Amino acid sequence: LLWGKPYIEDILCGKRFRISPMSFYQVNHDGAE
C-alpha cells in the first residue's frame, strides 16, 4: 500500500463488501445482483 485504504468498499445485494486488489469480485455489479 502506497496511500489510502488497502481496499475499496461496495454494496451488493444489500450487503457491504471490502475488496482488496488480489480478491475476486464480479466485474459487473448490476449483473452480479
PDB file of all heavy atoms in Angstrom:
ATOM      1  N   LEU A   1       0.836  -1.193   0.000  1.00  0.00           N
ATOM      2  CA  LEU A   1       0.000   0.000   0.000  1.00  0.00           C
ATOM      3  C   LEU A   1       0.877   1.251   0.000  1.00  0.00           C
ATOM      4  O   LEU A   1       1.767   1.400   0.831  1.00  0.00           O
ATOM      5  CB  LEU A   1      -0.917  -0.005   1.231  1.00  0.00           C
ATOM      6  CG  LEU A   1      -1.940   1.126   1.316  1.00  0.00           C
ATOM      7  CD1 LEU A   1      -2.981   0.996   0.214  1.00  0.00           C
ATOM      8  CD2 LEU A   1      -2.608   1.141   2.689  1.00  0.00           C
ATOM      9  N   LEU A   2       0.624   2.152  -0.947  1.00  0.00           N
ATOM     10  CA  LEU A   2       1.342   3.423  -1.005  1.00  0.00           C
ATOM     11  C   LEU A   2       0.567   4.539  -0.319  1.00  0.00           C
ATOM     12  O   LEU A   2       1.156   5.442   0.289  1.00  0.00           O
ATOM     13  CB  LEU A   2       1.589   3.829  -2.467  1.00  0.00           C
ATOM     14  CG  LEU A   2       2.468   2.924  -3.322  1.00  0.00           C
ATOM     15  CD1 LEU A   2       2.621   3.522  -4.708  1.00  0.00           C
ATOM     16  CD2 LEU A   2       3.835   2.708  -2.682  1.00  0.00           C
ATOM     17  N   TRP A   3      -0.771   4.484  -0.448  1.00  0.00           N
ATOM     18  CA  TRP A   3      -1.580   5.584   0.063  1.00  0.00           C
ATOM     19  C   TRP A   3      -3.021   5.134   0.232  1.00  0.00           C
ATOM     20  O   TRP A   3      -3.518   4.304  -0.546  1.00  0.00           O
ATOM     21  CB  TRP A   3      -1.519   6.753  -0.918  1.00  0.00           C
ATOM     22  CG  TRP A   3      -2.366   7.942  -0.539  1.00  0.00           C
ATOM     23  CD1 TRP A   3      -2.003   8.994   0.231  1.00  0.00           C
ATOM     24  CD2 TRP A   3      -3.721   8.178  -0.926  1.00  0.00           C
ATOM     25  NE1 TRP A   3      -3.047   9.888   0.354  1.00  0.00           N
ATOM     26  CE2 TRP A   3      -4.117   9.404  -0.359  1.00  0.00           C
ATOM     27  CE3 TRP A   3      -4.635   7.475  -1.703  1.00  0.00           C
ATOM     28  CZ2 TRP A   3      -5.382   9.947  -0.531  1.00  0.00           C
ATOM     29  CZ3 TRP A   3      -5.907   8.008  -1.875  1.00  0.00           C
ATOM     30  CH2 TRP A   3      -6.267   9.227  -1.304  1.00  0.00           C
ATOM     31  N   GLY A   4      -3.696   5.626   1.257  1.00  0.00           N
ATOM     32  CA  GLY A   4      -5.119   5.368   1.425  1.00  0.00           C
ATOM     33  C   GLY A   4      -5.413   4.039   2.085  1.00  0.00           C
ATOM     34  O   GLY A   4      -4.639   3.536   2.907  1.00  0.00           O
ATOM     35  N   LYS A   5      -6.545   3.458   1.728  1.00  0.00           N
ATOM     36  CA  LYS A   5      -7.003   2.193   2.298  1.00  0.00           C
ATOM     37  C   LYS A   5      -6.492   1.015   1.476  1.00  0.00           C
ATOM     38  O   LYS A   5      -6.256   1.151   0.276  1.00  0.00           O
ATOM     39  CB  LYS A   5      -8.539   2.155   2.330  1.00  0.00           C
ATOM     40  CG  LYS A   5      -9.199   3.313   3.070  1.00  0.00           C
ATOM     41  CD  LYS A   5     -10.707   3.119   3.151  1.00  0.00           C
ATOM     42  CE  LYS A   5     -11.383   3.150   1.797  1.00  0.00           C
ATOM     43  NZ  LYS A   5     -12.864   3.095   1.891  1.00  0.00           N
ATOM     44  N   PRO A   6      -6.358  -0.182   2.081  1.00  0.00           N
ATOM     45  CA  PRO A   6      -5.938  -1.357   1.311  1.00  0.00           C
ATOM     46  C   PRO A   6      -7.104  -2.025   0.582  1.00  0.00           C
ATOM     47  O   PRO A   6      -6.964  -3.145   0.098  1.00  0.00           O
ATOM     48  CB  PRO A   6      -5.372  -2.286   2.391  1.00  0.00           C
ATOM     49  CG  PRO A   6      -6.134  -1.942   3.618  1.00  0.00           C
ATOM     50  CD  PRO A   6      -6.410  -0.467   3.542  1.00  0.00           C
ATOM     51  N   TYR A   7      -8.233  -1.343   0.488  1.00  0.00           N
ATOM     52  CA  TYR A   7      -9.423  -1.921  -0.133  1.00  0.00           C
ATOM     53  C   TYR A   7     -10.344  -0.794  -0.597  1.00  0.00           C
ATOM     54  O   TYR A   7     -10.154   0.379  -0.246  1.00  0.00           O
ATOM     55  CB  TYR A   7     -10.185  -2.800   0.875  1.00  0.00           C
ATOM     56  CG  TYR A   7     -10.548  -2.089   2.150  1.00  0.00           C
ATOM     57  CD1 TYR A   7     -11.666  -1.253   2.234  1.00  0.00           C
ATOM     58  CD2 TYR A   7      -9.754  -2.211   3.296  1.00  0.00           C
ATOM     59  CE1 TYR A   7     -11.979  -0.566   3.392  1.00  0.00           C
ATOM     60  CE2 TYR A   7     -10.067  -1.528   4.471  1.00  0.00           C
ATOM     61  CZ  TYR A   7     -11.182  -0.714   4.513  1.00  0.00           C
ATOM     62  OH  TYR A   7     -11.499  -0.031   5.660  1.00  0.00           O
ATOM     63  N   ILE A   8     -11.320  -1.171  -1.427  1.00  0.00           N
ATOM     64  CA  ILE A   8     -12.458  -0.299  -1.686  1.00  0.00           C
ATOM     65  C   ILE A   8     -13.697  -1.006  -1.159  1.00  0.00           C
ATOM     66  O   ILE A   8     -13.688  -2.216  -0.955  1.00  0.00           O
ATOM     67  CB  ILE A   8     -12.626   0.030  -3.183  1.00  0.00           C
ATOM     68  CG1 ILE A   8     -12.731  -1.249  -4.031  1.00  0.00           C
ATOM     69  CG2 ILE A   8     -11.498   0.917  -3.663  1.00  0.00           C
ATOM     70  CD1 ILE A   8     -13.020  -0.989  -5.499  1.00  0.00           C
ATOM     71  N   GLU A   9     -14.761  -0.246  -0.925  1.00  0.00           N
ATOM     72  CA  GLU A   9     -15.998  -0.824  -0.414  1.00  0.00           C
ATOM     73  C   GLU A   9     -17.119  -0.659  -1.433  1.00  0.00           C
ATOM     74  O   GLU A   9     -17.249   0.388  -2.066  1.00  0.00           O
ATOM     75  CB  GLU A   9     -16.413  -0.161   0.903  1.00  0.00           C
ATOM     76  CG  GLU A   9     -15.503  -0.511   2.068  1.00  0.00           C
ATOM     77  CD  GLU A   9     -16.090  -0.115   3.421  1.00  0.00           C
ATOM     78  OE1 GLU A   9     -17.289   0.251   3.466  1.00  0.00           O
ATOM     79  OE2 GLU A   9     -15.365  -0.179   4.423  1.00  0.00           O
ATOM     80  N   ASP A  10     -17.901  -1.723  -1.574  1.00  0.00           N
ATOM     81  CA  ASP A  10     -19.058  -1.699  -2.459  1.00  0.00           C
ATOM     82  C   ASP A  10     -20.251  -2.284  -1.712  1.00  0.00           C
ATOM     83  O   ASP A  10     -20.083  -2.980  -0.698  1.00  0.00           O
ATOM     84  CB  ASP A  10     -18.774  -2.514  -3.728  1.00  0.00           C
ATOM     85  CG  ASP A  10     -19.652  -2.106  -4.903  1.00  0.00           C
ATOM     86  OD1 ASP A  10     -20.473  -1.174  -4.746  1.00  0.00           O
ATOM     87  OD2 ASP A  10     -19.527  -2.716  -5.978  1.00  0.00           O
ATOM     88  N   ILE A  11     -21.444  -2.028  -2.214  1.00  0.00           N
ATOM     89  CA  ILE A  11     -22.670  -2.595  -1.656  1.00  0.00           C
ATOM     90  C   ILE A  11     -23.309  -3.472  -2.723  1.00  0.00           C
ATOM     91  O   ILE A  11     -23.584  -3.004  -3.839  1.00  0.00           O
ATOM     92  CB  ILE A  11     -23.642  -1.505  -1.185  1.00  0.00           C
ATOM     93  CG1 ILE A  11     -22.985  -0.668  -0.098  1.00  0.00           C
ATOM     94  CG2 ILE A  11     -24.941  -2.126  -0.667  1.00  0.00           C
ATOM     95  CD1 ILE A  11     -23.777   0.569   0.289  1.00  0.00           C
ATOM     96  N   LEU A  12     -23.497  -4.737  -2.395  1.00  0.00           N
ATOM     97  CA  LEU A  12     -24.028  -5.719  -3.349  1.00  0.00           C
ATOM     98  C   LEU A  12     -25.115  -6.521  -2.659  1.00  0.00           C
ATOM     99  O   LEU A  12     -24.893  -7.066  -1.567  1.00  0.00           O
ATOM    100  CB  LEU A  12     -22.895  -6.644  -3.817  1.00  0.00           C
ATOM    101  CG  LEU A  12     -23.238  -7.669  -4.882  1.00  0.00           C
ATOM    102  CD1 LEU A  12     -23.445  -6.978  -6.231  1.00  0.00           C
ATOM    103  CD2 LEU A  12     -22.131  -8.712  -5.009  1.00  0.00           C
ATOM    104  N   CYS A  13     -26.294  -6.574  -3.274  1.00  0.00           N
ATOM    105  CA  CYS A  13     -27.431  -7.312  -2.699  1.00  0.00           C
ATOM    106  C   CYS A  13     -27.724  -6.867  -1.263  1.00  0.00           C
ATOM    107  O   CYS A  13     -28.036  -7.685  -0.393  1.00  0.00           O
ATOM    108  CB  CYS A  13     -27.181  -8.815  -2.756  1.00  0.00           C
ATOM    109  SG  CYS A  13     -26.999  -9.477  -4.420  1.00  0.00           S
ATOM    110  N   GLY A  14     -27.541  -5.585  -0.997  1.00  0.00           N
ATOM    111  CA  GLY A  14     -27.827  -5.053   0.322  1.00  0.00           C
ATOM    112  C   GLY A  14     -26.748  -5.288   1.356  1.00  0.00           C
ATOM    113  O   GLY A  14     -26.898  -4.883   2.519  1.00  0.00           O
ATOM    114  N   LYS A  15     -25.653  -5.924   0.990  1.00  0.00           N
ATOM    115  CA  LYS A  15     -24.541  -6.197   1.908  1.00  0.00           C
ATOM    116  C   LYS A  15     -23.331  -5.349   1.502  1.00  0.00           C
ATOM    117  O   LYS A  15     -23.106  -5.085   0.320  1.00  0.00           O
ATOM    118  CB  LYS A  15     -24.167  -7.682   1.887  1.00  0.00           C
ATOM    119  CG  LYS A  15     -25.332  -8.640   2.128  1.00  0.00           C
ATOM    120  CD  LYS A  15     -25.732  -8.679   3.566  1.00  0.00           C
ATOM    121  CE  LYS A  15     -26.981  -9.536   3.789  1.00  0.00           C
ATOM    122  NZ  LYS A  15     -26.863 -10.916   3.340  1.00  0.00           N
ATOM    123  N   ARG A  16     -22.526  -4.964   2.499  1.00  0.00           N
ATOM    124  CA  ARG A  16     -21.330  -4.155   2.251  1.00  0.00           C
ATOM    125  C   ARG A  16     -20.112  -5.072   2.156  1.00  0.00           C
ATOM    126  O   ARG A  16     -19.920  -5.971   2.983  1.00  0.00           O
ATOM    127  CB  ARG A  16     -21.132  -3.127   3.364  1.00  0.00           C
ATOM    128  CG  ARG A  16     -19.953  -2.184   3.151  1.00  0.00           C
ATOM    129  CD  ARG A  16     -19.951  -1.071   4.177  1.00  0.00           C
ATOM    130  NE  ARG A  16     -20.992  -0.096   3.899  1.00  0.00           N
ATOM    131  CZ  ARG A  16     -20.828   0.980   3.119  1.00  0.00           C
ATOM    132  NH1 ARG A  16     -19.653   1.206   2.535  1.00  0.00           N
ATOM    133  NH2 ARG A  16     -21.814   1.832   2.940  1.00  0.00           N
ATOM    134  N   PHE A  17     -19.272  -4.835   1.141  1.00  0.00           N
ATOM    135  CA  PHE A  17     -18.099  -5.685   0.914  1.00  0.00           C
ATOM    136  C   PHE A  17     -16.845  -4.846   0.748  1.00  0.00           C
ATOM    137  O   PHE A  17     -16.862  -3.799   0.092  1.00  0.00           O
ATOM    138  CB  PHE A  17     -18.293  -6.541  -0.345  1.00  0.00           C
ATOM    139  CG  PHE A  17     -19.378  -7.573  -0.218  1.00  0.00           C
ATOM    140  CD1 PHE A  17     -20.650  -7.319  -0.696  1.00  0.00           C
ATOM    141  CD2 PHE A  17     -19.126  -8.788   0.404  1.00  0.00           C
ATOM    142  CE1 PHE A  17     -21.656  -8.256  -0.569  1.00  0.00           C
ATOM    143  CE2 PHE A  17     -20.127  -9.733   0.531  1.00  0.00           C
ATOM    144  CZ  PHE A  17     -21.399  -9.466   0.045  1.00  0.00           C
ATOM    145  N   ARG A  18     -15.753  -5.338   1.375  1.00  0.00           N
ATOM    146  CA  ARG A  18     -14.426  -4.761   1.183  1.00  0.00           C
ATOM    147  C   ARG A  18     -13.673  -5.617   0.179  1.00  0.00           C
ATOM    148  O   ARG A  18     -13.600  -6.835   0.316  1.00  0.00           O
ATOM    149  CB  ARG A  18     -13.677  -4.697   2.509  1.00  0.00           C
ATOM    150  CG  ARG A  18     -14.257  -3.648   3.451  1.00  0.00           C
ATOM    151  CD  ARG A  18     -13.525  -3.579   4.781  1.00  0.00           C
ATOM    152  NE  ARG A  18     -14.080  -2.507   5.611  1.00  0.00           N
ATOM    153  CZ  ARG A  18     -13.705  -2.275   6.866  1.00  0.00           C
ATOM    154  NH1 ARG A  18     -12.767  -3.029   7.428  1.00  0.00           N
ATOM    155  NH2 ARG A  18     -14.256  -1.286   7.542  1.00  0.00           N
ATOM    156  N   ILE A  19     -13.084  -4.959  -0.820  1.00  0.00           N
ATOM    157  CA  ILE A  19     -12.457  -5.659  -1.938  1.00  0.00           C
ATOM    158  C   ILE A  19     -11.001  -5.245  -2.023  1.00  0.00           C
ATOM    159  O   ILE A  19     -10.691  -4.052  -2.188  1.00  0.00           O
ATOM    160  CB  ILE A  19     -13.176  -5.313  -3.258  1.00  0.00           C
ATOM    161  CG1 ILE A  19     -14.686  -5.543  -3.123  1.00  0.00           C
ATOM    162  CG2 ILE A  19     -12.611  -6.111  -4.416  1.00  0.00           C
ATOM    163  CD1 ILE A  19     -15.511  -4.630  -3.994  1.00  0.00           C
ATOM    164  N   SER A  20     -10.089  -6.187  -1.881  1.00  0.00           N
ATOM    165  CA  SER A  20      -8.655  -5.908  -1.980  1.00  0.00           C
ATOM    166  C   SER A  20      -8.179  -6.209  -3.402  1.00  0.00           C
ATOM    167  O   SER A  20      -8.875  -6.866  -4.177  1.00  0.00           O
ATOM    168  CB  SER A  20      -7.886  -6.755  -0.965  1.00  0.00           C
ATOM    169  OG  SER A  20      -8.004  -8.132  -1.272  1.00  0.00           O
ATOM    170  N   PRO A  21      -6.975  -5.769  -3.784  1.00  0.00           N
ATOM    171  CA  PRO A  21      -6.519  -5.964  -5.161  1.00  0.00           C
ATOM    172  C   PRO A  21      -6.448  -7.424  -5.595  1.00  0.00           C
ATOM    173  O   PRO A  21      -6.708  -7.738  -6.766  1.00  0.00           O
ATOM    174  CB  PRO A  21      -5.116  -5.327  -5.158  1.00  0.00           C
ATOM    175  CG  PRO A  21      -5.156  -4.333  -4.060  1.00  0.00           C
ATOM    176  CD  PRO A  21      -6.037  -4.925  -3.008  1.00  0.00           C
ATOM    177  N   MET A  22      -6.104  -8.332  -4.692  1.00  0.00           N
ATOM    178  CA  MET A  22      -5.893  -9.725  -5.087  1.00  0.00           C
ATOM    179  C   MET A  22      -7.175 -10.565  -5.046  1.00  0.00           C
ATOM    180  O   MET A  22      -7.158 -11.736  -5.406  1.00  0.00           O
ATOM    181  CB  MET A  22      -4.856 -10.370  -4.155  1.00  0.00           C
ATOM    182  CG  MET A  22      -3.504  -9.679  -4.141  1.00  0.00           C
ATOM    183  SD  MET A  22      -2.583  -9.841  -5.674  1.00  0.00           S
ATOM    184  CE  MET A  22      -1.928 -11.499  -5.478  1.00  0.00           C
ATOM    185  N   SER A  23      -8.283  -9.981  -4.637  1.00  0.00           N
ATOM    186  CA  SER A  23      -9.502 -10.748  -4.421  1.00  0.00           C
ATOM    187  C   SER A  23     -10.398 -10.758  -5.647  1.00  0.00           C
ATOM    188  O   SER A  23     -10.483  -9.775  -6.391  1.00  0.00           O
ATOM    189  CB  SER A  23     -10.285 -10.168  -3.240  1.00  0.00           C
ATOM    190  OG  SER A  23      -9.526 -10.224  -2.065  1.00  0.00           O
ATOM    191  N   PHE A  24     -11.120 -11.881  -5.819  1.00  0.00           N
ATOM    192  CA  PHE A  24     -12.084 -11.982  -6.911  1.00  0.00           C
ATOM    193  C   PHE A  24     -13.358 -11.228  -6.550  1.00  0.00           C
ATOM    194  O   PHE A  24     -13.869 -11.331  -5.437  1.00  0.00           O
ATOM    195  CB  PHE A  24     -12.432 -13.448  -7.187  1.00  0.00           C
ATOM    196  CG  PHE A  24     -13.560 -13.610  -8.187  1.00  0.00           C
ATOM    197  CD1 PHE A  24     -13.324 -13.475  -9.539  1.00  0.00           C
ATOM    198  CD2 PHE A  24     -14.851 -13.861  -7.749  1.00  0.00           C
ATOM    199  CE1 PHE A  24     -14.356 -13.597 -10.453  1.00  0.00           C
ATOM    200  CE2 PHE A  24     -15.889 -13.985  -8.660  1.00  0.00           C
ATOM    201  CZ  PHE A  24     -15.648 -13.859 -10.006  1.00  0.00           C
ATOM    202  N   TYR A  25     -13.857 -10.480  -7.515  1.00  0.00           N
ATOM    203  CA  TYR A  25     -15.135  -9.783  -7.364  1.00  0.00           C
ATOM    204  C   TYR A  25     -15.733  -9.673  -8.756  1.00  0.00           C
ATOM    205  O   TYR A  25     -15.026  -9.357  -9.731  1.00  0.00           O
ATOM    206  CB  TYR A  25     -14.911  -8.397  -6.760  1.00  0.00           C
ATOM    207  CG  TYR A  25     -16.173  -7.661  -6.365  1.00  0.00           C
ATOM    208  CD1 TYR A  25     -16.944  -8.086  -5.292  1.00  0.00           C
ATOM    209  CD2 TYR A  25     -16.581  -6.508  -7.052  1.00  0.00           C
ATOM    210  CE1 TYR A  25     -18.089  -7.387  -4.906  1.00  0.00           C
ATOM    211  CE2 TYR A  25     -17.719  -5.814  -6.673  1.00  0.00           C
ATOM    212  CZ  TYR A  25     -18.473  -6.263  -5.603  1.00  0.00           C
ATOM    213  OH  TYR A  25     -19.603  -5.583  -5.219  1.00  0.00           O
ATOM    214  N   GLN A  26     -17.010  -9.965  -8.901  1.00  0.00           N
ATOM    215  CA  GLN A  26     -17.630  -9.943 -10.222  1.00  0.00           C
ATOM    216  C   GLN A  26     -17.452  -8.574 -10.877  1.00  0.00           C
ATOM    217  O   GLN A  26     -17.603  -7.532 -10.241  1.00  0.00           O
ATOM    218  CB  GLN A  26     -19.121 -10.271 -10.114  1.00  0.00           C
ATOM    219  CG  GLN A  26     -19.419 -11.721  -9.756  1.00  0.00           C
ATOM    220  CD  GLN A  26     -19.249 -12.682 -10.931  1.00  0.00           C
ATOM    221  OE1 GLN A  26     -18.825 -12.291 -12.018  1.00  0.00           O
ATOM    222  NE2 GLN A  26     -19.571 -13.943 -10.709  1.00  0.00           N
ATOM    223  N   VAL A  27     -17.141  -8.571 -12.180  1.00  0.00           N
ATOM    224  CA  VAL A  27     -16.815  -7.323 -12.870  1.00  0.00           C
ATOM    225  C   VAL A  27     -18.056  -6.504 -13.218  1.00  0.00           C
ATOM    226  O   VAL A  27     -17.937  -5.329 -13.590  1.00  0.00           O
ATOM    227  CB  VAL A  27     -16.003  -7.582 -14.158  1.00  0.00           C
ATOM    228  CG1 VAL A  27     -14.691  -8.269 -13.839  1.00  0.00           C
ATOM    229  CG2 VAL A  27     -16.803  -8.371 -15.173  1.00  0.00           C
ATOM    230  N   ASN A  28     -19.249  -7.098 -13.118  1.00  0.00           N
ATOM    231  CA  ASN A  28     -20.481  -6.399 -13.448  1.00  0.00           C
ATOM    232  C   ASN A  28     -21.352  -6.348 -12.189  1.00  0.00           C
ATOM    233  O   ASN A  28     -21.969  -7.349 -11.819  1.00  0.00           O
ATOM    234  CB  ASN A  28     -21.199  -7.122 -14.594  1.00  0.00           C
ATOM    235  CG  ASN A  28     -22.450  -6.408 -15.056  1.00  0.00           C
ATOM    236  OD1 ASN A  28     -23.041  -5.604 -14.351  1.00  0.00           O
ATOM    237  ND2 ASN A  28     -22.875  -6.720 -16.282  1.00  0.00           N
ATOM    238  N   HIS A  29     -21.394  -5.207 -11.530  1.00  0.00           N
ATOM    239  CA  HIS A  29     -22.108  -5.087 -10.258  1.00  0.00           C
ATOM    240  C   HIS A  29     -23.591  -5.398 -10.410  1.00  0.00           C
ATOM    241  O   HIS A  29     -24.145  -6.231  -9.687  1.00  0.00           O
ATOM    242  CB  HIS A  29     -21.923  -3.670  -9.702  1.00  0.00           C
ATOM    243  CG  HIS A  29     -22.737  -3.376  -8.484  1.00  0.00           C
ATOM    244  ND1 HIS A  29     -24.053  -2.940  -8.561  1.00  0.00           N
ATOM    245  CD2 HIS A  29     -22.450  -3.465  -7.159  1.00  0.00           C
ATOM    246  CE1 HIS A  29     -24.537  -2.786  -7.353  1.00  0.00           C
ATOM    247  NE2 HIS A  29     -23.578  -3.080  -6.473  1.00  0.00           N
ATOM    248  N   ASP A  30     -24.258  -4.740 -11.356  1.00  0.00           N
ATOM    249  CA  ASP A  30     -25.700  -4.953 -11.514  1.00  0.00           C
ATOM    250  C   ASP A  30     -25.992  -6.369 -12.005  1.00  0.00           C
ATOM    251  O   ASP A  30     -26.985  -6.985 -11.600  1.00  0.00           O
ATOM    252  CB  ASP A  30     -26.279  -3.927 -12.484  1.00  0.00           C
ATOM    253  CG  ASP A  30     -26.220  -2.512 -11.927  1.00  0.00           C
ATOM    254  OD1 ASP A  30     -25.848  -2.350 -10.739  1.00  0.00           O
ATOM    255  OD2 ASP A  30     -26.530  -1.562 -12.666  1.00  0.00           O
ATOM    256  N   GLY A  31     -25.120  -6.883 -12.867  1.00  0.00           N
ATOM    257  CA  GLY A  31     -25.279  -8.260 -13.320  1.00  0.00           C
ATOM    258  C   GLY A  31     -25.113  -9.250 -12.183  1.00  0.00           C
ATOM    259  O   GLY A  31     -25.820 -10.264 -12.114  1.00  0.00           O
ATOM    260  N   ALA A  32     -24.177  -8.948 -11.268  1.00  0.00           N
ATOM    261  CA  ALA A  32     -23.968  -9.828 -10.115  1.00  0.00           C
ATOM    262  C   ALA A  32     -25.197  -9.844  -9.217  1.00  0.00           C
ATOM    263  O   ALA A  32     -25.592 -10.886  -8.694  1.00  0.00           O
ATOM    264  CB  ALA A  32     -22.734  -9.392  -9.330  1.00  0.00           C
ATOM    265  N   GLU A  33     -25.809  -8.686  -9.018  1.00  0.00           N
ATOM    266  CA  GLU A  33     -27.030  -8.649  -8.217  1.00  0.00           C
ATOM    267  C   GLU A  33     -28.135  -9.485  -8.855  1.00  0.00           C
ATOM    268  O   GLU A  33     -28.877 -10.191  -8.159  1.00  0.00           O
ATOM    269  CB  GLU A  33     -27.493  -7.208  -8.020  1.00  0.00           C
ATOM    270  CG  GLU A  33     -26.597  -6.414  -7.091  1.00  0.00           C
ATOM    271  CD  GLU A  33     -27.244  -5.154  -6.564  1.00  0.00           C
ATOM    272  OE1 GLU A  33     -28.011  -4.527  -7.340  1.00  0.00           O
ATOM    273  OE2 GLU A  33     -26.997  -4.786  -5.397  1.00  0.00           O
TER     274      GLU A  33
END
